[in-house]
């Protein structure tokens, strides 16, 4: 790291609170700041590993992040595991001509990038409502060999623009902002995300009611039981996977849920 800001390096702690603060959250991070965040918060300058690259490499290739995206993005270690489990589930999917993966909340698109890496031939569609994040992510993924169409706007208003072929299986990565949904005692309440996870599932299911769908919902190791039961009631088959990897002190994972097909009829994915 080039020491161009020695005084600020000594005085400022680069942690979650600072990067999400009003003064910092919408600023573009310099490379030394990304590495400093990794060092200060996780003792690892390469903590923000994205698109298969450590910070120095992705920054050299022109990838840039806002401070809030640096905190909120799904890093490679977690995105890779999620992508592998999606691919494993799809081994038991009904035969079709292809796979389309939709991400209603694009952010950095790293989760979608890894799902597509593990599902060769699939195409990706992502929605981003924030024009600043949209422009930055569009520039970031332009250098990647990943077939992602990034659309501006609320997914609920533009699902008809996805162009999903009638013979495709649809994968939907569901990771809305958690907001106040995570409680210390009861865990992650899937009814309190913004919007609620069940609402997203209902929106997608209504728009693509003739397609087999695999929903992939990002979750926390502790999930509020009633909200989990409510969501699972929408699926023919479901399974929670919690990974042995910490994200800021919390174990994250996914809830897989299928509509109009059942993986267990041909064997379930390998549990972790």
Protein backbone atom coordinates (compact mmCIF):
# COMPACT_ATOMS: atom_id res chain seq x y z
CA UNK A 1 0.00 0.00 0.00
CA UNK A 2 1.35 3.42 -0.92
CA UNK A 3 1.46 5.58 2.19
CA UNK A 4 -0.17 8.70 0.75
CA UNK A 5 -2.34 9.41 3.78
CA UNK A 6 -0.10 8.69 6.81
CA UNK A 7 -1.91 10.93 9.28
CA UNK A 8 -5.36 9.60 8.43
CA UNK A 9 -4.04 6.04 8.62
CA UNK A 10 -2.89 6.62 12.17
CA UNK A 11 -5.98 8.43 13.46
CA UNK A 12 -8.95 6.75 11.79
CA UNK A 13 -10.23 3.23 12.42
CA UNK A 14 -11.75 1.79 9.28
CA UNK A 15 -14.61 -0.30 10.60
CA UNK A 16 -18.24 -0.98 9.72
CA UNK A 17 -19.52 2.01 11.67
CA UNK A 18 -17.23 4.44 9.88
CA UNK A 19 -17.82 3.07 6.38
CA UNK A 20 -21.60 3.21 6.88
CA UNK A 21 -21.55 6.66 8.47
CA UNK A 22 -23.23 9.59 6.75
CA UNK A 23 -19.88 11.21 6.04
CA UNK A 24 -18.34 8.15 4.40
CA UNK A 25 -20.99 5.75 3.05
CA UNK A 26 -21.31 7.25 -0.44
CA UNK A 27 -17.62 7.95 -1.03
CA UNK A 28 -15.60 5.87 -3.50
CA UNK A 29 -12.98 3.87 -1.64
CA UNK A 30 -9.31 4.05 -2.52
CA UNK A 31 -7.32 0.82 -2.52
CA UNK A 32 -5.51 1.62 0.72
CA UNK A 33 -8.88 2.27 2.38
CA UNK A 34 -10.27 -1.11 1.30
CA UNK A 35 -7.14 -2.80 2.62
CA UNK A 36 -7.24 -0.74 5.81
CA UNK A 37 -10.85 -1.79 6.42
CA UNK A 38 -9.76 -5.41 6.08
CA UNK A 39 -6.85 -4.91 8.45
CA UNK A 40 -8.69 -2.90 11.09
CA UNK A 41 -11.78 -5.09 11.15
CA UNK A 42 -10.51 -8.57 10.27
CA UNK A 43 -6.69 -8.45 10.42
CA UNK A 44 -6.65 -9.23 6.69
CA UNK A 45 -5.89 -6.61 4.00
CA UNK A 46 -7.39 -8.97 1.37
CA UNK A 47 -10.68 -9.46 3.24
CA UNK A 48 -12.78 -7.77 0.51
CA UNK A 49 -12.06 -10.50 -2.02
CA UNK A 50 -14.42 -10.03 -5.01
CA UNK A 51 -14.95 -11.51 -8.46
CA UNK A 52 -12.24 -14.07 -7.72
CA UNK A 53 -9.60 -11.41 -6.97
CA UNK A 54 -7.94 -9.78 -3.94
CA UNK A 55 -8.37 -5.99 -3.61
CA UNK A 56 -5.08 -5.03 -5.28
CA UNK A 57 -5.98 -7.07 -8.36
CA UNK A 58 -9.60 -5.97 -8.75
CA UNK A 59 -8.66 -2.35 -8.09
CA UNK A 60 -5.95 -2.51 -10.78
CA UNK A 61 -8.56 -3.82 -13.22
CA UNK A 62 -10.72 -0.75 -12.60
CA UNK A 63 -13.21 -2.14 -10.07
CA UNK A 64 -14.39 0.52 -7.63
CA UNK A 65 -16.66 0.34 -4.58
CA UNK A 66 -18.53 2.81 -2.45
CA UNK A 67 -17.81 2.58 1.27
CA UNK A 68 -21.23 1.07 1.98
CA UNK A 69 -20.81 -1.52 -0.77
CA UNK A 70 -17.43 -2.47 0.68
CA UNK A 71 -19.22 -3.44 3.90
CA UNK A 72 -22.40 -4.91 2.41
CA UNK A 73 -21.06 -6.95 -0.53
CA UNK A 74 -20.96 -10.74 -0.38
CA UNK A 75 -17.30 -11.73 -0.48
CA UNK A 76 -15.91 -14.56 -2.61
CA UNK A 77 -15.58 -17.04 0.26
CA UNK A 78 -19.34 -16.99 0.91
CA UNK A 79 -20.48 -16.40 -2.69
CA UNK A 80 -18.47 -19.41 -3.87
CA UNK A 81 -20.17 -21.73 -1.36
CA UNK A 82 -23.60 -20.46 -2.33
CA UNK A 83 -22.84 -20.94 -6.01
CA UNK A 84 -21.69 -24.51 -5.41
CA UNK A 85 -24.90 -25.40 -3.57
CA UNK A 86 -27.04 -23.87 -6.31
CA UNK A 87 -25.21 -25.95 -8.90
CA UNK A 88 -25.62 -29.06 -6.75
CA UNK A 89 -29.38 -28.52 -6.46
CA UNK A 90 -29.72 -27.96 -10.19
CA UNK A 91 -28.23 -31.39 -10.88
CA UNK A 92 -31.65 -32.71 -9.87
CA UNK A 93 -33.70 -30.13 -11.80
CA UNK A 94 -36.15 -30.98 -14.60
CA UNK A 95 -34.64 -31.07 -18.05
CA UNK A 96 -34.87 -27.82 -19.99
CA UNK A 97 -33.12 -25.70 -22.54
CA UNK A 98 -31.33 -23.45 -20.09
CA UNK A 99 -31.17 -21.54 -16.82
CA UNK A 100 -31.83 -17.87 -16.06
CA UNK A 101 -30.69 -16.42 -12.72
CA UNK A 102 -32.40 -13.30 -11.38
CA UNK A 103 -31.02 -11.09 -8.59
CA UNK A 104 -33.61 -8.47 -7.56
CA UNK A 105 -31.05 -6.57 -5.43
CA UNK A 106 -27.84 -6.42 -7.45
CA UNK A 107 -25.41 -4.47 -5.27
CA UNK A 108 -21.94 -5.56 -6.34
CA UNK A 109 -23.36 -8.54 -8.33
CA UNK A 110 -20.70 -10.78 -6.77
CA UNK A 111 -23.22 -13.39 -5.59
CA UNK A 112 -24.75 -13.55 -9.06
CA UNK A 113 -21.27 -13.67 -10.60
CA UNK A 114 -20.39 -16.78 -8.55
CA UNK A 115 -23.69 -18.53 -9.18
CA UNK A 116 -23.12 -18.10 -12.91
CA UNK A 117 -19.55 -19.38 -12.56
CA UNK A 118 -20.91 -22.61 -11.10
CA UNK A 119 -23.81 -22.94 -13.55
CA UNK A 120 -22.14 -22.86 -16.99
CA UNK A 121 -24.33 -21.53 -19.77
CA UNK A 122 -26.76 -19.74 -17.46
CA UNK A 123 -27.63 -16.10 -18.06
CA UNK A 124 -28.02 -13.54 -15.31
CA UNK A 125 -30.40 -10.61 -14.84
CA UNK A 126 -29.96 -8.17 -11.95
CA UNK A 127 -31.94 -5.14 -10.79
CA UNK A 128 -30.53 -2.12 -8.99
CA UNK A 129 -32.66 0.80 -7.88
CA UNK A 130 -29.78 3.07 -6.79
CA UNK A 131 -28.38 4.87 -9.88
CA UNK A 132 -24.94 5.37 -8.30
CA UNK A 133 -24.54 1.69 -7.44
CA UNK A 134 -25.97 0.76 -10.84
CA UNK A 135 -23.37 2.79 -12.75
CA UNK A 136 -20.49 1.58 -10.59
CA UNK A 137 -21.47 -2.08 -10.75
CA UNK A 138 -22.07 -1.86 -14.49
CA UNK A 139 -18.54 -0.55 -14.94
CA UNK A 140 -17.14 -3.18 -12.58
CA UNK A 141 -18.70 -6.20 -14.26
CA UNK A 142 -17.99 -4.95 -17.79
CA UNK A 143 -14.47 -6.38 -17.52
CA UNK A 144 -15.68 -9.76 -16.28
CA UNK A 145 -16.55 -12.66 -18.53
CA UNK A 146 -19.97 -13.01 -16.91
CA UNK A 147 -23.28 -12.86 -18.84
CA UNK A 148 -25.17 -10.38 -16.63
CA UNK A 149 -27.80 -7.92 -17.84
CA UNK A 150 -28.00 -5.16 -15.22
CA UNK A 151 -31.31 -3.27 -15.24
CA UNK A 152 -32.16 -0.01 -13.49
CA UNK A 153 -35.23 0.11 -11.29
CA UNK A 154 -37.43 -1.76 -8.82
CA UNK A 155 -37.62 -5.43 -9.80
CA UNK A 156 -41.39 -5.42 -9.23
CA UNK A 157 -41.87 -2.98 -12.09
CA UNK A 158 -39.53 -4.63 -14.57
CA UNK A 159 -39.89 -8.41 -14.30
CA UNK A 160 -41.45 -8.44 -17.76
CA UNK A 161 -38.17 -7.02 -19.09
CA UNK A 162 -36.17 -10.09 -18.04
CA UNK A 163 -36.91 -11.98 -21.23
CA UNK A 164 -36.90 -15.39 -19.53
CA UNK A 165 -37.49 -18.09 -22.17
CA UNK A 166 -40.50 -20.33 -21.57
CA UNK A 167 -38.30 -23.45 -21.44
CA UNK A 168 -35.82 -22.12 -18.87
CA UNK A 169 -35.54 -23.05 -15.23
CA UNK A 170 -35.43 -19.91 -13.12
CA UNK A 171 -33.05 -19.36 -10.18
CA UNK A 172 -33.80 -16.36 -7.94
CA UNK A 173 -31.20 -15.09 -5.49
CA UNK A 174 -33.12 -13.38 -2.68
CA UNK A 175 -31.03 -11.04 -0.52
CA UNK A 176 -32.99 -7.87 0.31
CA UNK A 177 -31.61 -5.34 2.81
CA UNK A 178 -32.00 -6.74 6.31
CA UNK A 179 -32.66 -3.36 7.93
CA UNK A 180 -33.93 -4.10 11.46
CA UNK A 181 -34.76 -7.74 10.69
CA UNK A 182 -31.87 -9.23 12.70
CA UNK A 183 -32.62 -9.52 16.42
CA UNK A 184 -30.10 -10.60 19.06
CA UNK A 185 -32.49 -13.09 20.70
CA UNK A 186 -34.87 -14.38 18.01
CA UNK A 187 -32.51 -14.19 15.04
CA UNK A 188 -33.26 -13.09 11.48
CA UNK A 189 -36.95 -12.37 10.95
CA UNK A 190 -37.60 -12.95 7.25
CA UNK A 191 -40.84 -10.97 7.57
CA UNK A 192 -38.95 -7.81 8.52
CA UNK A 193 -36.48 -7.52 5.64
CA UNK A 194 -37.06 -4.69 3.16
CA UNK A 195 -39.21 -5.94 1.46
CA UNK A 196 -40.19 -9.16 3.30
CA UNK A 197 -38.71 -12.27 1.72
CA UNK A 198 -42.11 -13.94 1.32
CA UNK A 199 -43.34 -10.90 -0.62
CA UNK A 200 -40.43 -11.22 -3.03
CA UNK A 201 -41.14 -14.92 -3.54
CA UNK A 202 -44.82 -14.19 -4.18
CA UNK A 203 -43.93 -11.42 -6.67
CA UNK A 204 -41.59 -13.67 -8.64
CA UNK A 205 -43.94 -16.64 -8.50
CA UNK A 206 -46.83 -14.59 -9.85
CA UNK A 207 -44.74 -13.23 -12.72
CA UNK A 208 -43.36 -16.64 -13.71
CA UNK A 209 -46.14 -18.98 -12.62
CA UNK A 210 -45.47 -21.56 -15.32
CA UNK A 211 -41.72 -21.99 -14.73
CA UNK A 212 -39.89 -24.30 -12.33
CA UNK A 213 -38.05 -22.03 -9.88
CA UNK A 214 -35.25 -22.45 -7.34
CA UNK A 215 -35.24 -19.69 -4.71
CA UNK A 216 -31.92 -19.06 -2.97
CA UNK A 217 -32.42 -16.86 0.09
CA UNK A 218 -29.42 -15.56 2.02
CA UNK A 219 -29.94 -16.22 5.73
CA UNK A 220 -28.24 -16.05 9.13
CA UNK A 221 -27.44 -19.04 11.36
CA UNK A 222 -30.37 -18.13 13.64
CA UNK A 223 -33.72 -17.60 11.88
CA UNK A 224 -36.93 -16.57 13.61
CA UNK A 225 -38.93 -19.85 13.51
CA UNK A 226 -42.35 -18.49 12.52
CA UNK A 227 -40.92 -16.47 9.62
CA UNK A 228 -38.98 -19.53 8.44
CA UNK A 229 -42.05 -21.77 8.59
CA UNK A 230 -44.10 -19.18 6.69
CA UNK A 231 -41.53 -19.00 3.92
CA UNK A 232 -40.98 -22.75 3.68
CA UNK A 233 -44.74 -23.30 3.34
CA UNK A 234 -44.48 -21.71 -0.12
CA UNK A 235 -42.10 -24.40 -1.42
CA UNK A 236 -42.48 -28.02 -2.49
CA UNK A 237 -39.02 -28.68 -1.07
CA UNK A 238 -36.67 -26.60 1.06
CA UNK A 239 -33.40 -26.91 2.91
CA UNK A 240 -31.31 -24.54 5.04
CA UNK A 241 -27.54 -24.57 4.58
CA UNK A 242 -25.37 -22.74 7.14
CA UNK A 243 -21.70 -22.42 6.23
CA UNK A 244 -18.75 -22.69 8.57
CA UNK A 245 -17.57 -19.22 7.62
CA UNK A 246 -17.99 -16.04 9.64
CA UNK A 247 -19.11 -12.74 8.14
CA UNK A 248 -18.42 -10.07 10.75
CA UNK A 249 -18.81 -12.62 13.53
CA UNK A 250 -21.97 -14.26 12.15
CA UNK A 251 -22.39 -17.53 10.28
CA UNK A 252 -24.36 -17.02 7.09
CA UNK A 253 -25.97 -19.45 4.72
CA UNK A 254 -28.85 -19.98 2.33
CA UNK A 255 -32.36 -21.37 2.30
CA UNK A 256 -33.00 -23.32 -0.89
CA UNK A 257 -36.64 -23.64 -1.90
CA UNK A 258 -38.18 -25.09 -5.05
CA UNK A 259 -41.44 -24.35 -6.86
CA UNK A 260 -43.00 -26.70 -9.43
CA UNK A 261 -40.21 -29.28 -9.03
CA UNK A 262 -38.77 -31.31 -6.18
CA UNK A 263 -35.04 -32.07 -5.97
CA UNK A 264 -35.55 -34.84 -3.41
CA UNK A 265 -37.32 -36.99 -6.00
CA UNK A 266 -33.90 -37.51 -7.57
CA UNK A 267 -31.73 -37.05 -4.50
CA UNK A 268 -31.05 -33.93 -2.47
CA UNK A 269 -27.90 -31.79 -2.71
CA UNK A 270 -25.02 -32.68 -0.44
CA UNK A 271 -25.59 -31.15 3.00
CA UNK A 272 -22.76 -29.40 4.78
